[in-house]
Amino acid sequence: MTVPPFIPQPVEIRRNVTTERYPVMVGFVRRVSLLHFLSVLFVAGVAALPSPWVDPSVAGWATLGLLVALSLARTLARGRRVEVVVSGVILVAFLVALGSAVRVWIEDGWPLESLLVGVACAVVYVTACGRDLSYVGMLVLSILASSGLIVAGGIWLRTPGLTLSVALSLNALYLIFYVYDLASLLSRRRLGEEIGAVADLYRDVLNLFGYLIRVAHHWRRHRIWLK
């Protein structure tokens, strides 16, 4: 009797990065981390540019729409090189829209600048760790280092305690998502698909909803909870 797993198996493609030699895999992680950091800097640059007032709902819906487009591109062309190209094009438009949305959210009082500090610390770790890459180490050290920097900056700028607490929480939550997703996407990417991997680090925000649907379908298919 075969007992089905309680949750569906993770999505994998053939010849993914996890099948490569360890130094090659670490190099891939390092390149993706650096490109992702550059994309965050790009978003920060767009957010810092002077521009006319943007309706928060318009900025939010535009960002969400392009995020859905990124997810559809991966779903419809998964495993093909054209997916990386299409995702790269959509990613640029998404980052511009995200930058506009971030500017609005910061003006509304959300301390999203803290996310840049956390991602920067993660990149420093990946760059400095050599071949001794540890995702747990990346997460713990990045949270500790970035939290210290955020607290120091908050004290220097006399940031209110509530705002500082929100900044620390957002930073920690994002780093948890970022490090987990960076580790898990390796089974869905091949060498040369670094841009697609960077896009994954954004569109996988929607994966929670898609994953819940996959779990429900898996349970119904194998009659889990129905026996």
N, C-alpha and C. Protein backbone atom coordinates (compact mmCIF):
# COMPACT_ATOMS: atom_id res chain seq x y z
N MET A 1 0.84 -1.20 0.00
CA MET A 1 0.00 0.00 0.00
C MET A 1 0.87 1.25 0.00
N THR A 2 0.61 2.12 -0.95
CA THR A 2 1.37 3.36 -1.06
C THR A 2 0.64 4.47 -0.31
N VAL A 3 1.34 5.08 0.62
CA VAL A 3 0.75 6.18 1.38
C VAL A 3 1.18 7.50 0.75
N PRO A 4 0.24 8.29 0.23
CA PRO A 4 0.62 9.56 -0.40
C PRO A 4 1.13 10.55 0.63
N PRO A 5 2.02 11.45 0.22
CA PRO A 5 2.49 12.48 1.16
C PRO A 5 1.36 13.39 1.58
N PHE A 6 1.48 13.96 2.76
CA PHE A 6 0.42 14.81 3.29
C PHE A 6 0.29 16.10 2.49
N ILE A 7 1.41 16.61 1.97
CA ILE A 7 1.39 17.81 1.15
C ILE A 7 2.03 17.49 -0.20
N PRO A 8 1.69 18.22 -1.27
CA PRO A 8 2.28 17.93 -2.58
C PRO A 8 3.78 18.15 -2.61
N GLN A 9 4.45 17.39 -3.46
CA GLN A 9 5.89 17.53 -3.61
C GLN A 9 6.22 18.89 -4.24
N PRO A 10 7.37 19.47 -3.89
CA PRO A 10 7.75 20.76 -4.48
C PRO A 10 7.97 20.64 -5.98
N VAL A 11 7.74 21.73 -6.69
CA VAL A 11 7.92 21.75 -8.14
C VAL A 11 9.41 21.67 -8.47
N GLU A 12 9.78 20.77 -9.37
CA GLU A 12 11.17 20.64 -9.81
C GLU A 12 11.20 20.53 -11.32
N ILE A 13 12.31 20.97 -11.91
CA ILE A 13 12.53 20.79 -13.34
C ILE A 13 13.81 19.99 -13.53
N ARG A 14 13.97 19.42 -14.70
CA ARG A 14 15.16 18.63 -14.99
C ARG A 14 16.38 19.54 -15.11
N ARG A 15 17.54 19.01 -14.72
CA ARG A 15 18.82 19.70 -14.80
C ARG A 15 18.79 21.03 -14.04
N ASN A 16 18.11 21.03 -12.90
CA ASN A 16 18.05 22.26 -12.11
C ASN A 16 19.36 22.51 -11.38
N VAL A 17 19.45 23.64 -10.74
CA VAL A 17 20.71 24.08 -10.12
C VAL A 17 21.16 23.13 -9.02
N THR A 18 20.22 22.46 -8.34
CA THR A 18 20.61 21.57 -7.25
C THR A 18 21.38 20.35 -7.74
N THR A 19 21.32 20.06 -9.04
CA THR A 19 22.05 18.91 -9.58
C THR A 19 23.48 19.28 -9.97
N GLU A 20 23.82 20.54 -9.89
CA GLU A 20 25.16 20.99 -10.26
C GLU A 20 26.13 20.78 -9.09
N ARG A 21 27.42 20.91 -9.38
CA ARG A 21 28.43 20.83 -8.32
C ARG A 21 28.21 21.96 -7.31
N TYR A 22 28.59 21.70 -6.08
CA TYR A 22 28.33 22.66 -5.00
C TYR A 22 28.90 24.05 -5.28
N PRO A 23 30.15 24.18 -5.73
CA PRO A 23 30.68 25.52 -6.03
C PRO A 23 29.87 26.24 -7.11
N VAL A 24 29.37 25.48 -8.08
CA VAL A 24 28.56 26.08 -9.14
C VAL A 24 27.24 26.58 -8.57
N MET A 25 26.64 25.78 -7.70
CA MET A 25 25.38 26.17 -7.07
C MET A 25 25.56 27.43 -6.22
N VAL A 26 26.65 27.50 -5.46
CA VAL A 26 26.92 28.68 -4.64
C VAL A 26 27.11 29.91 -5.51
N GLY A 27 27.79 29.74 -6.64
CA GLY A 27 27.97 30.85 -7.57
C GLY A 27 26.65 31.36 -8.10
N PHE A 28 25.73 30.44 -8.38
CA PHE A 28 24.40 30.83 -8.85
C PHE A 28 23.68 31.63 -7.78
N VAL A 29 23.72 31.15 -6.54
CA VAL A 29 23.07 31.86 -5.43
C VAL A 29 23.66 33.26 -5.27
N ARG A 30 24.98 33.34 -5.41
CA ARG A 30 25.65 34.64 -5.25
C ARG A 30 25.21 35.62 -6.34
N ARG A 31 25.12 35.14 -7.58
CA ARG A 31 24.70 36.02 -8.68
C ARG A 31 23.25 36.47 -8.52
N VAL A 32 22.39 35.53 -8.14
CA VAL A 32 20.98 35.88 -7.95
C VAL A 32 20.83 36.90 -6.82
N SER A 33 21.57 36.69 -5.73
CA SER A 33 21.50 37.61 -4.60
C SER A 33 21.94 39.02 -5.00
N LEU A 34 23.02 39.10 -5.76
CA LEU A 34 23.51 40.41 -6.19
C LEU A 34 22.53 41.09 -7.13
N LEU A 35 21.99 40.34 -8.09
CA LEU A 35 21.02 40.91 -9.03
C LEU A 35 19.75 41.36 -8.30
N HIS A 36 19.33 40.57 -7.33
CA HIS A 36 18.15 40.96 -6.56
C HIS A 36 18.42 42.25 -5.78
N PHE A 37 19.60 42.35 -5.20
CA PHE A 37 19.96 43.58 -4.47
C PHE A 37 19.95 44.78 -5.41
N LEU A 38 20.48 44.60 -6.62
CA LEU A 38 20.46 45.69 -7.59
C LEU A 38 19.03 46.07 -7.96
N SER A 39 18.14 45.07 -8.03
CA SER A 39 16.74 45.37 -8.35
C SER A 39 16.09 46.16 -7.21
N VAL A 40 16.45 45.84 -5.97
CA VAL A 40 15.92 46.59 -4.83
C VAL A 40 16.44 48.02 -4.85
N LEU A 41 17.72 48.19 -5.22
CA LEU A 41 18.27 49.54 -5.36
C LEU A 41 17.54 50.31 -6.45
N PHE A 42 17.19 49.62 -7.54
CA PHE A 42 16.45 50.26 -8.62
C PHE A 42 15.09 50.73 -8.12
N VAL A 43 14.40 49.88 -7.36
CA VAL A 43 13.11 50.26 -6.79
C VAL A 43 13.26 51.48 -5.88
N ALA A 44 14.31 51.46 -5.06
CA ALA A 44 14.57 52.60 -4.17
C ALA A 44 14.85 53.87 -4.97
N GLY A 45 15.57 53.73 -6.09
CA GLY A 45 15.85 54.89 -6.93
C GLY A 45 14.59 55.46 -7.54
N VAL A 46 13.70 54.59 -8.02
CA VAL A 46 12.43 55.06 -8.58
C VAL A 46 11.61 55.75 -7.50
N ALA A 47 11.60 55.16 -6.30
CA ALA A 47 10.83 55.74 -5.20
C ALA A 47 11.37 57.12 -4.79
N ALA A 48 12.67 57.32 -4.97
CA ALA A 48 13.29 58.59 -4.56
C ALA A 48 13.16 59.68 -5.61
N LEU A 49 12.82 59.32 -6.84
CA LEU A 49 12.71 60.32 -7.90
C LEU A 49 11.53 61.26 -7.64
N PRO A 50 11.72 62.55 -7.88
CA PRO A 50 10.58 63.48 -7.75
C PRO A 50 9.60 63.22 -8.88
N SER A 51 8.34 63.13 -8.53
CA SER A 51 7.32 62.86 -9.54
C SER A 51 5.98 63.37 -9.04
N PRO A 52 5.00 63.52 -9.93
CA PRO A 52 3.68 63.97 -9.51
C PRO A 52 3.06 62.98 -8.52
N TRP A 53 2.09 63.44 -7.77
CA TRP A 53 1.40 62.59 -6.81
C TRP A 53 0.73 61.43 -7.52
N VAL A 54 0.85 60.25 -6.94
CA VAL A 54 0.27 59.04 -7.52
C VAL A 54 -0.81 58.53 -6.58
N ASP A 55 -1.98 58.23 -7.13
CA ASP A 55 -3.05 57.67 -6.32
C ASP A 55 -2.61 56.33 -5.76
N PRO A 56 -2.69 56.13 -4.44
CA PRO A 56 -2.23 54.88 -3.84
C PRO A 56 -2.90 53.65 -4.43
N SER A 57 -4.19 53.74 -4.72
CA SER A 57 -4.90 52.58 -5.27
C SER A 57 -4.41 52.25 -6.67
N VAL A 58 -4.12 53.28 -7.47
CA VAL A 58 -3.61 53.05 -8.82
C VAL A 58 -2.24 52.38 -8.76
N ALA A 59 -1.36 52.90 -7.91
CA ALA A 59 -0.03 52.32 -7.77
C ALA A 59 -0.11 50.88 -7.28
N GLY A 60 -0.98 50.63 -6.32
CA GLY A 60 -1.12 49.28 -5.79
C GLY A 60 -1.66 48.30 -6.81
N TRP A 61 -2.71 48.70 -7.53
CA TRP A 61 -3.30 47.80 -8.53
C TRP A 61 -2.36 47.55 -9.70
N ALA A 62 -1.61 48.57 -10.11
CA ALA A 62 -0.64 48.39 -11.19
C ALA A 62 0.45 47.40 -10.78
N THR A 63 0.93 47.53 -9.55
CA THR A 63 1.95 46.61 -9.05
C THR A 63 1.41 45.20 -8.98
N LEU A 64 0.20 45.04 -8.45
CA LEU A 64 -0.40 43.71 -8.35
C LEU A 64 -0.65 43.10 -9.72
N GLY A 65 -1.12 43.92 -10.67
CA GLY A 65 -1.37 43.40 -12.01
C GLY A 65 -0.12 42.88 -12.69
N LEU A 66 0.98 43.61 -12.56
CA LEU A 66 2.24 43.17 -13.15
C LEU A 66 2.81 41.96 -12.41
N LEU A 67 2.53 41.86 -11.11
CA LEU A 67 2.96 40.69 -10.36
C LEU A 67 2.21 39.45 -10.83
N VAL A 68 0.93 39.59 -11.10
CA VAL A 68 0.14 38.49 -11.66
C VAL A 68 0.65 38.12 -13.05
N ALA A 69 1.01 39.13 -13.85
CA ALA A 69 1.56 38.87 -15.18
C ALA A 69 2.86 38.09 -15.09
N LEU A 70 3.70 38.42 -14.12
CA LEU A 70 4.94 37.66 -13.90
C LEU A 70 4.64 36.21 -13.58
N SER A 71 3.65 35.98 -12.75
CA SER A 71 3.28 34.62 -12.37
C SER A 71 2.72 33.85 -13.56
N LEU A 72 1.91 34.50 -14.37
CA LEU A 72 1.35 33.84 -15.55
C LEU A 72 2.44 33.48 -16.55
N ALA A 73 3.42 34.36 -16.71
CA ALA A 73 4.53 34.08 -17.63
C ALA A 73 5.26 32.82 -17.22
N ARG A 74 5.49 32.64 -15.93
CA ARG A 74 6.17 31.43 -15.46
C ARG A 74 5.28 30.20 -15.64
N THR A 75 3.99 30.34 -15.35
CA THR A 75 3.08 29.20 -15.44
C THR A 75 2.93 28.71 -16.87
N LEU A 76 2.81 29.65 -17.82
CA LEU A 76 2.55 29.29 -19.21
C LEU A 76 3.79 28.84 -19.96
N ALA A 77 4.97 29.25 -19.50
CA ALA A 77 6.21 28.92 -20.24
C ALA A 77 7.25 28.28 -19.33
N ARG A 78 6.83 27.59 -18.30
CA ARG A 78 7.76 27.01 -17.34
C ARG A 78 8.72 26.03 -18.03
N GLY A 79 10.00 26.17 -17.72
CA GLY A 79 11.00 25.25 -18.26
C GLY A 79 11.54 25.63 -19.62
N ARG A 80 11.01 26.69 -20.23
CA ARG A 80 11.49 27.12 -21.55
C ARG A 80 12.26 28.44 -21.42
N ARG A 81 13.24 28.62 -22.31
CA ARG A 81 14.08 29.82 -22.24
C ARG A 81 13.28 31.10 -22.46
N VAL A 82 12.22 31.01 -23.23
CA VAL A 82 11.43 32.21 -23.51
C VAL A 82 10.83 32.77 -22.22
N GLU A 83 10.62 31.90 -21.23
CA GLU A 83 10.05 32.37 -19.96
C GLU A 83 10.97 33.37 -19.28
N VAL A 84 12.28 33.12 -19.34
CA VAL A 84 13.24 34.02 -18.70
C VAL A 84 13.22 35.38 -19.39
N VAL A 85 13.14 35.37 -20.73
CA VAL A 85 13.12 36.63 -21.49
C VAL A 85 11.86 37.43 -21.18
N VAL A 86 10.71 36.76 -21.25
CA VAL A 86 9.44 37.44 -20.98
C VAL A 86 9.39 37.94 -19.54
N SER A 87 9.85 37.11 -18.62
CA SER A 87 9.86 37.52 -17.21
C SER A 87 10.76 38.72 -16.99
N GLY A 88 11.89 38.76 -17.69
CA GLY A 88 12.80 39.89 -17.56
C GLY A 88 12.18 41.19 -18.02
N VAL A 89 11.44 41.14 -19.13
CA VAL A 89 10.78 42.34 -19.65
C VAL A 89 9.70 42.82 -18.68
N ILE A 90 8.86 41.88 -18.23
CA ILE A 90 7.80 42.25 -17.30
C ILE A 90 8.38 42.74 -15.98
N LEU A 91 9.51 42.14 -15.58
CA LEU A 91 10.14 42.50 -14.31
C LEU A 91 10.52 43.97 -14.27
N VAL A 92 11.05 44.49 -15.38
CA VAL A 92 11.45 45.90 -15.42
C VAL A 92 10.23 46.80 -15.19
N ALA A 93 9.13 46.50 -15.90
CA ALA A 93 7.91 47.30 -15.71
C ALA A 93 7.39 47.16 -14.28
N PHE A 94 7.48 45.95 -13.74
CA PHE A 94 7.02 45.72 -12.36
C PHE A 94 7.83 46.53 -11.36
N LEU A 95 9.15 46.58 -11.55
CA LEU A 95 10.00 47.31 -10.62
C LEU A 95 9.71 48.80 -10.64
N VAL A 96 9.40 49.33 -11.83
CA VAL A 96 9.04 50.75 -11.93
C VAL A 96 7.73 51.00 -11.18
N ALA A 97 6.74 50.13 -11.42
CA ALA A 97 5.46 50.28 -10.72
C ALA A 97 5.64 50.11 -9.21
N LEU A 98 6.47 49.14 -8.82
CA LEU A 98 6.71 48.91 -7.40
C LEU A 98 7.38 50.12 -6.75
N GLY A 99 8.31 50.74 -7.48
CA GLY A 99 8.97 51.93 -6.96
C GLY A 99 7.97 53.05 -6.70
N SER A 100 7.02 53.22 -7.62
CA SER A 100 5.99 54.25 -7.43
C SER A 100 5.12 53.93 -6.23
N ALA A 101 4.78 52.64 -6.09
CA ALA A 101 3.95 52.23 -4.95
C ALA A 101 4.71 52.39 -3.63
N VAL A 102 5.98 52.04 -3.63
CA VAL A 102 6.79 52.17 -2.42
C VAL A 102 6.87 53.62 -1.98
N ARG A 103 7.01 54.55 -2.94
CA ARG A 103 7.05 55.97 -2.60
C ARG A 103 5.77 56.38 -1.88
N VAL A 104 4.64 55.91 -2.39
CA VAL A 104 3.35 56.25 -1.77
C VAL A 104 3.26 55.65 -0.37
N TRP A 105 3.68 54.40 -0.23
CA TRP A 105 3.59 53.73 1.07
C TRP A 105 4.52 54.37 2.10
N ILE A 106 5.70 54.80 1.65
CA ILE A 106 6.62 55.48 2.58
C ILE A 106 6.03 56.81 3.01
N GLU A 107 5.41 57.52 2.06
CA GLU A 107 4.77 58.79 2.41
C GLU A 107 3.62 58.59 3.40
N ASP A 108 3.02 57.39 3.36
CA ASP A 108 1.95 57.07 4.30
C ASP A 108 2.47 56.63 5.67
N GLY A 109 3.80 56.56 5.80
CA GLY A 109 4.38 56.26 7.10
C GLY A 109 4.97 54.89 7.28
N TRP A 110 4.94 54.05 6.23
CA TRP A 110 5.52 52.71 6.35
C TRP A 110 7.04 52.78 6.20
N PRO A 111 7.81 52.24 7.16
CA PRO A 111 9.28 52.33 7.11
C PRO A 111 9.89 51.24 6.23
N LEU A 112 9.59 51.30 4.94
CA LEU A 112 10.05 50.26 4.02
C LEU A 112 11.54 50.36 3.72
N GLU A 113 12.16 51.47 4.11
CA GLU A 113 13.60 51.60 3.90
C GLU A 113 14.37 50.49 4.62
N SER A 114 13.78 49.95 5.67
CA SER A 114 14.45 48.90 6.45
C SER A 114 14.72 47.65 5.62
N LEU A 115 13.88 47.40 4.61
CA LEU A 115 14.06 46.21 3.78
C LEU A 115 15.38 46.27 3.01
N LEU A 116 15.77 47.46 2.60
CA LEU A 116 17.03 47.63 1.88
C LEU A 116 18.21 47.25 2.76
N VAL A 117 18.12 47.59 4.04
CA VAL A 117 19.20 47.25 4.97
C VAL A 117 19.33 45.74 5.11
N GLY A 118 18.20 45.05 5.26
CA GLY A 118 18.24 43.61 5.41
C GLY A 118 18.78 42.89 4.19
N VAL A 119 18.34 43.31 3.00
CA VAL A 119 18.83 42.68 1.77
C VAL A 119 20.31 42.94 1.59
N ALA A 120 20.77 44.14 1.93
CA ALA A 120 22.19 44.46 1.83
C ALA A 120 23.02 43.55 2.74
N CYS A 121 22.55 43.32 3.95
CA CYS A 121 23.27 42.43 4.87
C CYS A 121 23.31 41.00 4.34
N ALA A 122 22.22 40.55 3.71
CA ALA A 122 22.19 39.21 3.14
C ALA A 122 23.20 39.08 2.01
N VAL A 123 23.32 40.11 1.18
CA VAL A 123 24.29 40.10 0.08
C VAL A 123 25.72 40.07 0.62
N VAL A 124 25.97 40.84 1.67
CA VAL A 124 27.30 40.84 2.28
C VAL A 124 27.64 39.44 2.78
N TYR A 125 26.68 38.76 3.38
CA TYR A 125 26.93 37.40 3.86
C TYR A 125 27.26 36.46 2.71
N VAL A 126 26.43 36.48 1.66
CA VAL A 126 26.64 35.58 0.53
C VAL A 126 27.98 35.84 -0.13
N THR A 127 28.39 37.09 -0.18
CA THR A 127 29.67 37.45 -0.79
C THR A 127 30.84 37.01 0.07
N ALA A 128 30.70 37.13 1.38
CA ALA A 128 31.82 36.87 2.29
C ALA A 128 31.94 35.42 2.73
N CYS A 129 30.87 34.63 2.55
CA CYS A 129 30.89 33.27 3.10
C CYS A 129 31.75 32.30 2.30
N GLY A 130 32.16 32.69 1.09
CA GLY A 130 32.93 31.78 0.27
C GLY A 130 32.10 30.58 -0.13
N ARG A 131 32.64 29.37 0.08
CA ARG A 131 31.90 28.15 -0.23
C ARG A 131 31.11 27.63 0.95
N ASP A 132 31.25 28.27 2.10
CA ASP A 132 30.57 27.81 3.32
C ASP A 132 29.20 28.46 3.44
N LEU A 133 28.37 28.26 2.42
CA LEU A 133 27.04 28.88 2.41
C LEU A 133 26.09 28.12 3.32
N SER A 134 25.45 28.84 4.21
CA SER A 134 24.43 28.28 5.10
C SER A 134 23.23 29.21 5.08
N TYR A 135 22.07 28.67 4.70
CA TYR A 135 20.88 29.51 4.66
C TYR A 135 20.45 29.92 6.07
N VAL A 136 20.63 29.02 7.03
CA VAL A 136 20.32 29.38 8.41
C VAL A 136 21.27 30.49 8.88
N GLY A 137 22.55 30.33 8.55
CA GLY A 137 23.51 31.37 8.90
C GLY A 137 23.19 32.69 8.23
N MET A 138 22.80 32.63 6.96
CA MET A 138 22.43 33.85 6.24
C MET A 138 21.27 34.55 6.93
N LEU A 139 20.26 33.77 7.29
CA LEU A 139 19.07 34.35 7.92
C LEU A 139 19.40 34.96 9.28
N VAL A 140 20.06 34.18 10.13
CA VAL A 140 20.33 34.65 11.50
C VAL A 140 21.26 35.86 11.50
N LEU A 141 22.37 35.75 10.77
CA LEU A 141 23.34 36.84 10.77
C LEU A 141 22.79 38.10 10.10
N SER A 142 22.00 37.91 9.03
CA SER A 142 21.42 39.07 8.34
C SER A 142 20.42 39.79 9.24
N ILE A 143 19.60 39.02 9.95
CA ILE A 143 18.63 39.65 10.85
C ILE A 143 19.34 40.38 11.98
N LEU A 144 20.36 39.74 12.56
CA LEU A 144 21.08 40.38 13.67
C LEU A 144 21.78 41.66 13.21
N ALA A 145 22.51 41.57 12.09
CA ALA A 145 23.27 42.73 11.61
C ALA A 145 22.34 43.86 11.18
N SER A 146 21.31 43.52 10.40
CA SER A 146 20.41 44.57 9.92
C SER A 146 19.60 45.18 11.05
N SER A 147 19.20 44.36 12.02
CA SER A 147 18.45 44.90 13.16
C SER A 147 19.30 45.89 13.95
N GLY A 148 20.58 45.55 14.13
CA GLY A 148 21.47 46.48 14.82
C GLY A 148 21.62 47.79 14.07
N LEU A 149 21.75 47.71 12.75
CA LEU A 149 21.89 48.92 11.94
C LEU A 149 20.61 49.75 11.97
N ILE A 150 19.46 49.06 11.91
CA ILE A 150 18.18 49.78 11.92
C ILE A 150 17.97 50.49 13.25
N VAL A 151 18.29 49.80 14.34
CA VAL A 151 18.15 50.42 15.66
C VAL A 151 19.08 51.62 15.79
N ALA A 152 20.33 51.44 15.35
CA ALA A 152 21.29 52.55 15.42
C ALA A 152 20.82 53.74 14.59
N GLY A 153 20.34 53.45 13.38
CA GLY A 153 19.82 54.53 12.54
C GLY A 153 18.59 55.18 13.14
N GLY A 154 17.71 54.36 13.75
CA GLY A 154 16.52 54.91 14.37
C GLY A 154 16.83 55.83 15.53
N ILE A 155 17.84 55.44 16.34
CA ILE A 155 18.25 56.29 17.46
C ILE A 155 18.84 57.60 16.96
N TRP A 156 19.66 57.50 15.91
CA TRP A 156 20.31 58.69 15.36
C TRP A 156 19.27 59.65 14.78
N LEU A 157 18.25 59.08 14.10
CA LEU A 157 17.22 59.91 13.47
C LEU A 157 16.07 60.22 14.42
N ARG A 158 16.15 59.70 15.66
CA ARG A 158 15.10 59.91 16.65
C ARG A 158 13.75 59.41 16.14
N THR A 159 13.77 58.20 15.59
CA THR A 159 12.56 57.58 15.08
C THR A 159 11.67 57.14 16.24
N PRO A 160 10.36 57.39 16.15
CA PRO A 160 9.45 56.94 17.22
C PRO A 160 9.55 55.43 17.44
N GLY A 161 9.32 55.01 18.67
CA GLY A 161 9.47 53.60 19.02
C GLY A 161 8.57 52.68 18.21
N LEU A 162 7.32 53.08 17.97
CA LEU A 162 6.40 52.25 17.21
C LEU A 162 6.88 52.06 15.78
N THR A 163 7.33 53.15 15.16
CA THR A 163 7.84 53.07 13.79
C THR A 163 9.06 52.18 13.72
N LEU A 164 9.93 52.29 14.71
CA LEU A 164 11.13 51.46 14.75
C LEU A 164 10.77 49.98 14.91
N SER A 165 9.77 49.70 15.72
CA SER A 165 9.32 48.31 15.91
C SER A 165 8.76 47.74 14.61
N VAL A 166 7.99 48.55 13.90
CA VAL A 166 7.44 48.11 12.62
C VAL A 166 8.56 47.86 11.62
N ALA A 167 9.56 48.73 11.60
CA ALA A 167 10.70 48.57 10.69
C ALA A 167 11.43 47.26 10.97
N LEU A 168 11.67 46.97 12.23
CA LEU A 168 12.36 45.73 12.60
C LEU A 168 11.53 44.51 12.23
N SER A 169 10.22 44.58 12.43
CA SER A 169 9.35 43.45 12.11
C SER A 169 9.29 43.21 10.60
N LEU A 170 9.13 44.28 9.82
CA LEU A 170 9.09 44.14 8.37
C LEU A 170 10.39 43.56 7.84
N ASN A 171 11.50 44.04 8.37
CA ASN A 171 12.80 43.56 7.94
C ASN A 171 12.97 42.07 8.23
N ALA A 172 12.61 41.65 9.44
CA ALA A 172 12.75 40.24 9.81
C ALA A 172 11.84 39.35 8.98
N LEU A 173 10.59 39.76 8.79
CA LEU A 173 9.65 38.96 8.00
C LEU A 173 10.11 38.84 6.55
N TYR A 174 10.60 39.94 5.99
CA TYR A 174 11.05 39.88 4.60
C TYR A 174 12.28 38.99 4.46
N LEU A 175 13.21 39.06 5.40
CA LEU A 175 14.40 38.22 5.32
C LEU A 175 14.05 36.75 5.45
N ILE A 176 13.07 36.42 6.29
CA ILE A 176 12.62 35.02 6.40
C ILE A 176 12.10 34.54 5.06
N PHE A 177 11.24 35.35 4.43
CA PHE A 177 10.71 34.99 3.11
C PHE A 177 11.82 34.91 2.07
N TYR A 178 12.69 35.90 2.06
CA TYR A 178 13.74 35.99 1.05
C TYR A 178 14.68 34.79 1.10
N VAL A 179 15.18 34.46 2.29
CA VAL A 179 16.14 33.36 2.42
C VAL A 179 15.47 32.03 2.11
N TYR A 180 14.25 31.82 2.60
CA TYR A 180 13.54 30.57 2.31
C TYR A 180 13.30 30.42 0.81
N ASP A 181 12.85 31.49 0.17
CA ASP A 181 12.54 31.41 -1.25
C ASP A 181 13.81 31.25 -2.09
N LEU A 182 14.88 31.91 -1.68
CA LEU A 182 16.15 31.77 -2.38
C LEU A 182 16.63 30.33 -2.36
N ALA A 183 16.45 29.65 -1.24
CA ALA A 183 16.85 28.25 -1.13
C ALA A 183 15.94 27.33 -1.95
N SER A 184 14.64 27.60 -1.92
CA SER A 184 13.69 26.70 -2.57
C SER A 184 13.64 26.85 -4.08
N LEU A 185 13.97 28.02 -4.61
CA LEU A 185 13.86 28.23 -6.05
C LEU A 185 14.95 27.51 -6.85
N LEU A 186 15.99 27.02 -6.18
CA LEU A 186 17.08 26.36 -6.89
C LEU A 186 16.61 25.13 -7.64
N SER A 187 15.59 24.45 -7.14
CA SER A 187 15.08 23.26 -7.81
C SER A 187 14.20 23.61 -9.00
N ARG A 188 13.87 24.90 -9.16
CA ARG A 188 13.02 25.34 -10.26
C ARG A 188 13.78 26.12 -11.32
N ARG A 189 15.11 26.24 -11.14
CA ARG A 189 15.90 27.05 -12.05
C ARG A 189 17.14 26.31 -12.53
N ARG A 190 17.56 26.63 -13.77
CA ARG A 190 18.79 26.09 -14.34
C ARG A 190 19.84 27.19 -14.39
N LEU A 191 21.08 26.80 -14.63
CA LEU A 191 22.13 27.80 -14.82
C LEU A 191 21.78 28.69 -15.99
N GLY A 192 22.05 29.97 -15.87
CA GLY A 192 21.72 30.92 -16.92
C GLY A 192 20.35 31.56 -16.75
N GLU A 193 19.60 31.11 -15.74
CA GLU A 193 18.26 31.66 -15.51
C GLU A 193 18.22 32.56 -14.27
N GLU A 194 19.31 33.28 -14.06
CA GLU A 194 19.39 34.14 -12.89
C GLU A 194 18.32 35.23 -12.89
N ILE A 195 18.03 35.81 -14.06
CA ILE A 195 17.01 36.85 -14.13
C ILE A 195 15.65 36.27 -13.76
N GLY A 196 15.37 35.08 -14.25
CA GLY A 196 14.12 34.43 -13.88
C GLY A 196 14.04 34.16 -12.39
N ALA A 197 15.17 33.82 -11.79
CA ALA A 197 15.21 33.58 -10.34
C ALA A 197 14.93 34.86 -9.57
N VAL A 198 15.47 35.98 -10.05
CA VAL A 198 15.19 37.27 -9.41
C VAL A 198 13.69 37.58 -9.49
N ALA A 199 13.11 37.32 -10.66
CA ALA A 199 11.66 37.52 -10.79
C ALA A 199 10.90 36.63 -9.83
N ASP A 200 11.40 35.39 -9.62
CA ASP A 200 10.74 34.48 -8.68
C ASP A 200 10.70 35.07 -7.28
N LEU A 201 11.75 35.78 -6.89
CA LEU A 201 11.81 36.34 -5.54
C LEU A 201 10.75 37.41 -5.31
N TYR A 202 10.17 37.91 -6.39
CA TYR A 202 9.06 38.86 -6.26
C TYR A 202 7.72 38.14 -6.44
N ARG A 203 7.59 37.36 -7.50
CA ARG A 203 6.28 36.78 -7.79
C ARG A 203 5.90 35.65 -6.83
N ASP A 204 6.88 35.10 -6.13
CA ASP A 204 6.56 34.03 -5.18
C ASP A 204 5.78 34.54 -3.98
N VAL A 205 5.63 35.85 -3.87
CA VAL A 205 4.75 36.40 -2.84
C VAL A 205 3.34 35.87 -3.04
N LEU A 206 2.96 35.64 -4.30
CA LEU A 206 1.63 35.12 -4.61
C LEU A 206 1.55 33.61 -4.43
N ASN A 207 2.68 32.96 -4.20
CA ASN A 207 2.69 31.50 -4.12
C ASN A 207 1.87 30.95 -2.96
N LEU A 208 1.69 31.75 -1.92
CA LEU A 208 0.91 31.27 -0.78
C LEU A 208 -0.48 30.86 -1.23
N PHE A 209 -1.11 31.69 -2.06
CA PHE A 209 -2.46 31.39 -2.51
C PHE A 209 -2.46 30.20 -3.48
N GLY A 210 -1.48 30.19 -4.39
CA GLY A 210 -1.38 29.07 -5.32
C GLY A 210 -1.07 27.77 -4.60
N TYR A 211 -0.24 27.86 -3.57
CA TYR A 211 0.13 26.65 -2.83
C TYR A 211 -1.07 26.08 -2.08
N LEU A 212 -1.90 26.94 -1.52
CA LEU A 212 -3.10 26.47 -0.84
C LEU A 212 -4.02 25.73 -1.80
N ILE A 213 -4.11 26.22 -3.04
CA ILE A 213 -4.93 25.54 -4.05
C ILE A 213 -4.33 24.18 -4.39
N ARG A 214 -2.98 24.11 -4.52
CA ARG A 214 -2.32 22.84 -4.80
C ARG A 214 -2.55 21.84 -3.68
N VAL A 215 -2.47 22.30 -2.44
CA VAL A 215 -2.70 21.41 -1.30
C VAL A 215 -4.13 20.88 -1.31
N ALA A 216 -5.10 21.76 -1.56
CA ALA A 216 -6.50 21.34 -1.59
C ALA A 216 -6.73 20.32 -2.70
N HIS A 217 -6.14 20.56 -3.88
CA HIS A 217 -6.27 19.61 -4.99
C HIS A 217 -5.61 18.28 -4.65
N HIS A 218 -4.45 18.34 -3.99
CA HIS A 218 -3.73 17.13 -3.60
C HIS A 218 -4.55 16.32 -2.61
N TRP A 219 -5.14 16.96 -1.64
CA TRP A 219 -5.98 16.26 -0.66
C TRP A 219 -7.20 15.63 -1.32
N ARG A 220 -7.82 16.35 -2.25
CA ARG A 220 -9.00 15.83 -2.92
C ARG A 220 -8.64 14.64 -3.82
N ARG A 221 -7.50 14.75 -4.50
CA ARG A 221 -7.08 13.68 -5.41
C ARG A 221 -6.78 12.39 -4.65
N HIS A 222 -6.11 12.51 -3.51
CA HIS A 222 -5.73 11.32 -2.74
C HIS A 222 -6.69 11.04 -1.59
N ARG A 223 -7.80 11.78 -1.56
CA ARG A 223 -8.85 11.57 -0.56
C ARG A 223 -8.30 11.66 0.87
N ILE A 224 -7.34 12.55 1.05
CA ILE A 224 -6.82 12.82 2.39
C ILE A 224 -7.88 13.60 3.16
N TRP A 225 -8.09 13.24 4.40
CA TRP A 225 -9.12 13.77 5.28
C TRP A 225 -10.51 13.20 4.96
N LEU A 226 -10.61 12.46 3.84
CA LEU A 226 -11.92 11.91 3.47
C LEU A 226 -12.02 10.43 3.79
N LYS A 227 -10.93 9.85 4.28
CA LYS A 227 -10.92 8.41 4.55
C LYS A 227 -11.41 8.13 5.96
